[in-house]
Amino acid sequence: MSLELSCSSPQGIFAKTFSSRTVLLGDYEISMSDFCALVMYVLTNTNLDPSDPRYDLVDAIKKLKVAKGFPTIIHGKEVAGEHRFEIGE
């Protein structure tokens, strides 16, 4: 699964995650810890505008719940994933 970034330049940039350790952003491979540091930097480095999308992001993060992980296929067998986040109420 991937996410197309619709408001970025150049057009056609996709973000993907294949594991809990790596984020692919276009042609760049970013460690999950660097990606999390980048998110924190973006959230805290500038003043907020009245319609700033960071308000919605922080509200969505507050609603996340830890859930059972997605299953993974290893050597033809389904193995339960440990944990993931899912959107709660």
Protein backbone atom coordinates (compact mmCIF):
# COMPACT_ATOMS: atom_id res chain seq x y z
CA MET A 1 0.00 0.00 0.00
CA SER A 2 1.20 3.53 -0.66
CA LEU A 3 0.07 7.12 -0.25
CA GLU A 4 0.28 9.58 -3.14
CA LEU A 5 1.20 13.06 -1.94
CA SER A 6 -1.29 15.26 -3.79
CA CYS A 7 -0.16 18.75 -2.81
CA SER A 8 3.58 18.35 -3.37
CA SER A 9 6.01 19.16 -6.12
CA PRO A 10 6.97 17.39 -8.26
CA GLN A 11 3.68 15.57 -8.81
CA GLY A 12 3.59 11.81 -8.41
CA ILE A 13 5.53 11.44 -5.15
CA PHE A 14 4.49 8.37 -3.16
CA ALA A 15 5.14 7.47 0.47
CA LYS A 16 5.35 3.80 1.42
CA THR A 17 6.20 1.71 4.45
CA PHE A 18 7.17 -1.95 4.16
CA SER A 19 8.31 -2.50 7.72
CA SER A 20 8.42 -0.72 11.03
CA ARG A 21 11.95 0.44 10.27
CA THR A 22 11.76 2.28 6.95
CA VAL A 23 9.70 4.95 5.19
CA LEU A 24 10.13 5.40 1.44
CA LEU A 25 9.43 8.94 0.27
CA GLY A 26 9.76 9.09 -3.49
CA ASP A 27 13.30 7.90 -4.20
CA TYR A 28 14.44 8.41 -0.60
CA GLU A 29 14.66 5.76 2.10
CA ILE A 30 14.27 7.26 5.59
CA SER A 31 14.65 5.36 8.84
CA MET A 32 11.49 5.30 10.97
CA SER A 33 13.33 7.13 13.77
CA ASP A 34 14.40 9.91 11.37
CA PHE A 35 10.86 10.09 9.98
CA CYS A 36 9.44 10.47 13.52
CA ALA A 37 12.03 13.18 14.25
CA LEU A 38 10.96 14.93 11.03
CA VAL A 39 7.29 14.85 12.08
CA MET A 40 8.17 16.31 15.48
CA TYR A 41 10.27 19.01 13.80
CA VAL A 42 7.41 19.94 11.46
CA LEU A 43 4.93 20.04 14.35
CA THR A 44 7.04 22.25 16.61
CA ASN A 45 9.26 24.46 14.46
CA THR A 46 6.87 27.22 13.32
CA ASN A 47 3.84 29.14 14.55
CA LEU A 48 0.38 27.80 13.75
CA ASP A 49 -1.99 29.50 11.33
CA PRO A 50 -5.74 29.44 12.08
CA SER A 51 -6.38 26.80 9.38
CA ASP A 52 -3.09 24.93 9.89
CA PRO A 53 -3.40 21.19 9.02
CA ARG A 54 -1.18 20.33 12.01
CA TYR A 55 -4.21 20.83 14.30
CA ASP A 56 -5.98 17.96 12.53
CA LEU A 57 -2.85 15.80 12.58
CA VAL A 58 -2.38 16.19 16.33
CA ASP A 59 -6.08 15.47 16.94
CA ALA A 60 -5.83 12.31 14.81
CA ILE A 61 -2.68 11.17 16.64
CA LYS A 62 -4.44 11.63 19.98
CA LYS A 63 -7.15 9.17 18.84
CA LEU A 64 -4.75 6.35 17.86
CA LYS A 65 -5.02 3.10 19.76
CA VAL A 66 -2.60 0.17 19.89
CA ALA A 67 -4.15 -2.83 18.15
CA LYS A 68 -3.22 -6.35 17.12
CA GLY A 69 -0.75 -6.22 14.23
CA PHE A 70 -1.39 -7.20 10.62
CA PRO A 71 -0.56 -10.83 9.82
CA THR A 72 2.60 -11.51 7.81
CA ILE A 73 3.33 -14.43 5.48
CA ILE A 74 6.71 -16.05 6.23
CA HIS A 75 7.73 -19.17 4.29
CA GLY A 76 4.13 -19.67 3.21
CA LYS A 77 2.73 -19.50 6.75
CA GLU A 78 0.70 -16.68 8.25
CA VAL A 79 2.38 -15.23 11.33
CA ALA A 80 0.50 -12.82 13.57
CA GLY A 81 1.93 -9.34 13.68
CA GLU A 82 2.69 -7.95 17.10
CA HIS A 83 1.13 -4.47 17.27
CA ARG A 84 0.12 -1.54 15.12
CA PHE A 85 -1.78 1.70 15.59
CA GLU A 86 -5.37 2.07 14.42
CA ILE A 87 -7.72 5.03 14.53
CA GLY A 88 -9.93 4.91 17.60
CA GLU A 89 -13.01 6.91 18.49
